[in-house]
Amino acid sequence: MPVRLTLGRAGAAEALISLAVSIIFLIAFTWLSVAIYRSNVLVYSDAGVLKSMRKSWQIWRSEQGK
């Protein structure tokens, strides 16, 4: 987007929309990361990355049902 702005191929409205979408996704992914970290901070596993992520997701989902 910065290159498009400097070349004059994008307007201010497009830049603001792009910034708004970026901020919304930043907030959403930060919230999700904090929620998963909070429920899995003391969970240790010697399994691979994918198995650990699956276990973390299951723990987080089970805590959401409470």
N, C-alpha and C. Protein backbone atom coordinates (compact mmCIF):
# COMPACT_ATOMS: atom_id res chain seq x y z
N MET A 1 0.82 -1.20 0.00
CA MET A 1 0.00 0.00 0.00
C MET A 1 0.87 1.27 0.00
N PRO A 2 1.96 1.33 0.75
CA PRO A 2 2.77 2.56 0.70
C PRO A 2 3.30 2.87 -0.70
N VAL A 3 3.67 1.84 -1.44
CA VAL A 3 4.17 2.06 -2.80
C VAL A 3 3.06 2.57 -3.69
N ARG A 4 1.87 1.98 -3.55
CA ARG A 4 0.74 2.43 -4.36
C ARG A 4 0.38 3.88 -4.04
N LEU A 5 0.51 4.26 -2.77
CA LEU A 5 0.21 5.64 -2.39
C LEU A 5 1.22 6.60 -3.00
N THR A 6 2.50 6.26 -2.95
CA THR A 6 3.52 7.16 -3.49
C THR A 6 3.45 7.27 -5.01
N LEU A 7 3.01 6.20 -5.67
CA LEU A 7 2.87 6.24 -7.13
C LEU A 7 1.56 6.89 -7.57
N GLY A 8 0.68 7.16 -6.62
CA GLY A 8 -0.58 7.81 -6.94
C GLY A 8 -1.64 6.85 -7.48
N ARG A 9 -1.46 5.56 -7.27
CA ARG A 9 -2.42 4.57 -7.76
C ARG A 9 -3.46 4.19 -6.73
N ALA A 10 -3.34 4.72 -5.54
CA ALA A 10 -4.32 4.46 -4.48
C ALA A 10 -4.67 5.79 -3.83
N GLY A 11 -5.92 5.92 -3.48
CA GLY A 11 -6.37 7.16 -2.86
C GLY A 11 -6.36 7.07 -1.34
N ALA A 12 -6.72 8.17 -0.72
CA ALA A 12 -6.75 8.22 0.74
C ALA A 12 -7.81 7.29 1.31
N ALA A 13 -8.93 7.16 0.62
CA ALA A 13 -10.00 6.28 1.10
C ALA A 13 -9.53 4.83 1.12
N GLU A 14 -8.84 4.42 0.07
CA GLU A 14 -8.33 3.05 0.03
C GLU A 14 -7.30 2.81 1.13
N ALA A 15 -6.48 3.80 1.40
CA ALA A 15 -5.49 3.68 2.47
C ALA A 15 -6.16 3.55 3.82
N LEU A 16 -7.20 4.32 4.06
CA LEU A 16 -7.92 4.25 5.33
C LEU A 16 -8.64 2.92 5.50
N ILE A 17 -9.22 2.41 4.42
CA ILE A 17 -9.88 1.11 4.49
C ILE A 17 -8.85 0.02 4.81
N SER A 18 -7.71 0.09 4.15
CA SER A 18 -6.64 -0.88 4.39
C SER A 18 -6.16 -0.81 5.84
N LEU A 19 -6.00 0.38 6.35
CA LEU A 19 -5.57 0.56 7.74
C LEU A 19 -6.62 0.02 8.71
N ALA A 20 -7.88 0.27 8.44
CA ALA A 20 -8.96 -0.21 9.31
C ALA A 20 -9.01 -1.74 9.34
N VAL A 21 -8.89 -2.36 8.17
CA VAL A 21 -8.91 -3.82 8.10
C VAL A 21 -7.71 -4.40 8.86
N SER A 22 -6.55 -3.79 8.71
CA SER A 22 -5.35 -4.26 9.42
C SER A 22 -5.52 -4.16 10.93
N ILE A 23 -6.08 -3.08 11.40
CA ILE A 23 -6.28 -2.89 12.84
C ILE A 23 -7.29 -3.90 13.38
N ILE A 24 -8.36 -4.14 12.64
CA ILE A 24 -9.38 -5.12 13.07
C ILE A 24 -8.76 -6.51 13.20
N PHE A 25 -7.98 -6.92 12.19
CA PHE A 25 -7.36 -8.24 12.26
C PHE A 25 -6.30 -8.31 13.36
N LEU A 26 -5.58 -7.23 13.60
CA LEU A 26 -4.60 -7.20 14.69
C LEU A 26 -5.28 -7.42 16.03
N ILE A 27 -6.38 -6.74 16.25
CA ILE A 27 -7.12 -6.89 17.50
C ILE A 27 -7.68 -8.30 17.64
N ALA A 28 -8.24 -8.85 16.56
CA ALA A 28 -8.83 -10.19 16.61
C ALA A 28 -7.77 -11.25 16.90
N PHE A 29 -6.65 -11.20 16.21
CA PHE A 29 -5.62 -12.21 16.43
C PHE A 29 -4.93 -12.04 17.77
N THR A 30 -4.81 -10.82 18.26
CA THR A 30 -4.26 -10.61 19.60
C THR A 30 -5.19 -11.21 20.64
N TRP A 31 -6.49 -10.98 20.51
CA TRP A 31 -7.46 -11.55 21.45
C TRP A 31 -7.39 -13.07 21.44
N LEU A 32 -7.35 -13.67 20.25
CA LEU A 32 -7.28 -15.12 20.14
C LEU A 32 -5.98 -15.66 20.76
N SER A 33 -4.88 -15.00 20.50
CA SER A 33 -3.60 -15.44 21.07
C SER A 33 -3.59 -15.36 22.58
N VAL A 34 -4.13 -14.29 23.13
CA VAL A 34 -4.19 -14.14 24.58
C VAL A 34 -5.09 -15.20 25.19
N ALA A 35 -6.22 -15.47 24.56
CA ALA A 35 -7.15 -16.48 25.09
C ALA A 35 -6.52 -17.86 25.09
N ILE A 36 -5.84 -18.23 24.01
CA ILE A 36 -5.21 -19.54 23.94
C ILE A 36 -4.03 -19.61 24.91
N TYR A 37 -3.24 -18.57 24.99
CA TYR A 37 -2.10 -18.56 25.92
C TYR A 37 -2.58 -18.68 27.36
N ARG A 38 -3.63 -17.95 27.70
CA ARG A 38 -4.13 -17.97 29.06
C ARG A 38 -4.57 -19.36 29.50
N SER A 39 -5.15 -20.13 28.58
CA SER A 39 -5.62 -21.46 28.95
C SER A 39 -4.53 -22.52 28.84
N ASN A 40 -3.42 -22.22 28.20
CA ASN A 40 -2.38 -23.23 27.98
C ASN A 40 -1.01 -22.83 28.52
N VAL A 41 -0.94 -21.89 29.39
CA VAL A 41 0.36 -21.39 29.82
C VAL A 41 1.19 -22.47 30.52
N LEU A 42 0.59 -23.40 31.19
CA LEU A 42 1.33 -24.43 31.91
C LEU A 42 1.18 -25.82 31.30
N VAL A 43 0.79 -25.90 30.05
CA VAL A 43 0.63 -27.18 29.37
C VAL A 43 1.93 -27.48 28.63
N TYR A 44 2.55 -28.60 28.99
CA TYR A 44 3.79 -29.02 28.34
C TYR A 44 3.54 -30.26 27.53
N SER A 45 4.23 -30.38 26.41
CA SER A 45 4.05 -31.54 25.56
C SER A 45 5.34 -31.80 24.79
N ASP A 46 5.69 -33.08 24.67
CA ASP A 46 6.85 -33.45 23.87
C ASP A 46 6.44 -33.84 22.46
N ALA A 47 5.17 -33.73 22.16
CA ALA A 47 4.67 -34.09 20.84
C ALA A 47 5.10 -33.01 19.84
N GLY A 48 4.81 -33.24 18.59
CA GLY A 48 5.15 -32.28 17.54
C GLY A 48 4.32 -31.01 17.66
N VAL A 49 4.64 -30.08 16.81
CA VAL A 49 3.98 -28.77 16.84
C VAL A 49 2.49 -28.90 16.56
N LEU A 50 2.14 -29.67 15.54
CA LEU A 50 0.72 -29.79 15.18
C LEU A 50 -0.09 -30.47 16.28
N LYS A 51 0.46 -31.49 16.91
CA LYS A 51 -0.26 -32.15 18.00
C LYS A 51 -0.41 -31.21 19.19
N SER A 52 0.63 -30.44 19.47
CA SER A 52 0.55 -29.48 20.58
C SER A 52 -0.49 -28.41 20.29
N MET A 53 -0.53 -27.94 19.05
CA MET A 53 -1.53 -26.93 18.70
C MET A 53 -2.94 -27.50 18.78
N ARG A 54 -3.12 -28.74 18.34
CA ARG A 54 -4.43 -29.37 18.43
C ARG A 54 -4.86 -29.52 19.89
N LYS A 55 -3.94 -29.93 20.76
CA LYS A 55 -4.26 -30.08 22.18
C LYS A 55 -4.60 -28.72 22.79
N SER A 56 -3.85 -27.69 22.43
CA SER A 56 -4.13 -26.35 22.93
C SER A 56 -5.51 -25.88 22.50
N TRP A 57 -5.86 -26.15 21.24
CA TRP A 57 -7.17 -25.76 20.73
C TRP A 57 -8.28 -26.48 21.49
N GLN A 58 -8.08 -27.77 21.77
CA GLN A 58 -9.09 -28.55 22.50
C GLN A 58 -9.25 -28.02 23.93
N ILE A 59 -8.16 -27.69 24.58
CA ILE A 59 -8.24 -27.14 25.94
C ILE A 59 -8.97 -25.81 25.92
N TRP A 60 -8.63 -24.96 24.96
CA TRP A 60 -9.26 -23.65 24.88
C TRP A 60 -10.76 -23.79 24.62
N ARG A 61 -11.15 -24.72 23.72
CA ARG A 61 -12.56 -24.93 23.42
C ARG A 61 -13.32 -25.47 24.63
N SER A 62 -12.68 -26.38 25.40
CA SER A 62 -13.36 -26.93 26.57
C SER A 62 -13.55 -25.86 27.64
N GLU A 63 -12.62 -24.92 27.76
CA GLU A 63 -12.77 -23.85 28.73
C GLU A 63 -13.84 -22.85 28.29
N GLN A 64 -14.06 -22.69 27.02
CA GLN A 64 -15.09 -21.78 26.52
C GLN A 64 -16.49 -22.30 26.84
N GLY A 65 -16.63 -23.61 26.98
CA GLY A 65 -17.93 -24.21 27.27
C GLY A 65 -18.36 -24.07 28.73
N LYS A 66 -17.48 -23.61 29.58
CA LYS A 66 -17.80 -23.49 31.02
C LYS A 66 -18.74 -22.35 31.28
